[in-house]
């Protein structure tokens, strides 16, 4: 008898049960591969967005530095 069910008494029944288990495992593997692919796509999109935001932050920091140096020059001119 098969340990997974009580009805597998012949070799044909055991083979059929084994084949069903194999198909189930293959289906699970395919489902997991699909989930992994979707998660990889999400990760790629997140990385792209993160890089875009980092670039924007760097641009803003450069703008702040340029404007601060301009203000400092103006103050130096007026109070020198």
Protein backbone atom coordinates (compact mmCIF):
# COMPACT_ATOMS: atom_id res chain seq x y z
CA UNK A 1 0.00 0.00 0.00
CA UNK A 2 1.01 3.55 -0.71
CA UNK A 3 1.78 5.62 2.36
CA UNK A 4 0.03 8.67 0.89
CA UNK A 5 -3.33 6.99 0.38
CA UNK A 6 -5.13 3.78 1.37
CA UNK A 7 -6.24 2.73 -2.10
CA UNK A 8 -2.94 2.08 -3.89
CA UNK A 9 -2.62 -1.67 -3.73
CA UNK A 10 -1.40 -2.53 -7.24
CA UNK A 11 1.68 -1.38 -9.05
CA UNK A 12 -0.51 0.40 -11.63
CA UNK A 13 -2.25 2.34 -8.87
CA UNK A 14 1.08 3.21 -7.25
CA UNK A 15 2.42 4.36 -10.63
CA UNK A 16 -0.68 6.49 -11.24
CA UNK A 17 -0.38 8.01 -7.78
CA UNK A 18 3.34 8.65 -8.31
CA UNK A 19 2.63 10.28 -11.68
CA UNK A 20 -0.01 12.51 -10.10
CA UNK A 21 2.48 13.55 -7.41
CA UNK A 22 5.09 14.29 -10.07
CA UNK A 23 2.64 16.43 -12.07
CA UNK A 24 1.72 18.27 -8.89
CA UNK A 25 5.37 18.98 -8.14
CA UNK A 26 6.00 20.14 -11.71
CA UNK A 27 2.97 22.45 -11.50
CA UNK A 28 4.22 23.85 -8.19
CA UNK A 29 7.66 24.41 -9.68
CA UNK A 30 6.18 26.29 -12.63
CA UNK A 31 4.07 28.40 -10.29
CA UNK A 32 7.14 29.23 -8.18
CA UNK A 33 9.17 30.08 -11.30
CA UNK A 34 6.40 32.43 -12.42
CA UNK A 35 6.26 34.07 -8.99
CA UNK A 36 10.04 34.45 -9.00
CA UNK A 37 9.95 36.07 -12.43
CA UNK A 38 7.25 38.50 -11.26
CA UNK A 39 9.26 39.37 -8.15
CA UNK A 40 12.38 39.93 -10.27
CA UNK A 41 10.38 42.27 -12.51
CA UNK A 42 9.15 44.17 -9.44
CA UNK A 43 12.70 44.39 -8.11
CA UNK A 44 13.98 45.72 -11.41
CA UNK A 45 11.24 48.35 -11.49
CA UNK A 46 12.00 49.33 -7.88
CA UNK A 47 15.71 49.62 -8.63
CA UNK A 48 14.99 51.79 -11.65
CA UNK A 49 12.74 54.07 -9.60
CA UNK A 50 15.30 54.24 -6.78
CA UNK A 51 18.06 55.22 -9.22
CA UNK A 52 15.81 57.87 -10.75
CA UNK A 53 15.06 59.34 -7.32
CA UNK A 54 18.73 59.28 -6.32
CA UNK A 55 19.63 61.17 -9.49
CA UNK A 56 16.92 63.76 -8.77
CA UNK A 57 18.21 64.16 -5.21
CA UNK A 58 21.74 64.71 -6.48
CA UNK A 59 20.49 67.33 -8.94
CA UNK A 60 18.62 69.13 -6.17
CA UNK A 61 21.68 69.04 -3.93
CA UNK A 62 23.78 70.58 -6.72
CA UNK A 63 21.13 73.27 -7.22
CA UNK A 64 21.18 74.08 -3.50
CA UNK A 65 24.98 74.32 -3.49
CA UNK A 66 24.97 76.60 -6.55
CA UNK A 67 22.26 78.85 -5.08
CA UNK A 68 23.99 79.01 -1.70
CA UNK A 69 27.25 80.03 -3.31
CA UNK A 70 25.38 82.68 -5.30
CA UNK A 71 23.79 84.02 -2.11
CA UNK A 72 27.18 84.02 -0.38
CA UNK A 73 28.69 86.02 -3.26
CA UNK A 74 25.84 88.53 -3.13
CA UNK A 75 26.27 88.92 0.63
CA UNK A 76 30.02 89.36 0.22
CA UNK A 77 29.43 92.06 -2.41
CA UNK A 78 26.92 93.97 -0.28
CA UNK A 79 28.73 93.69 3.05
CA UNK A 80 32.36 93.81 1.94
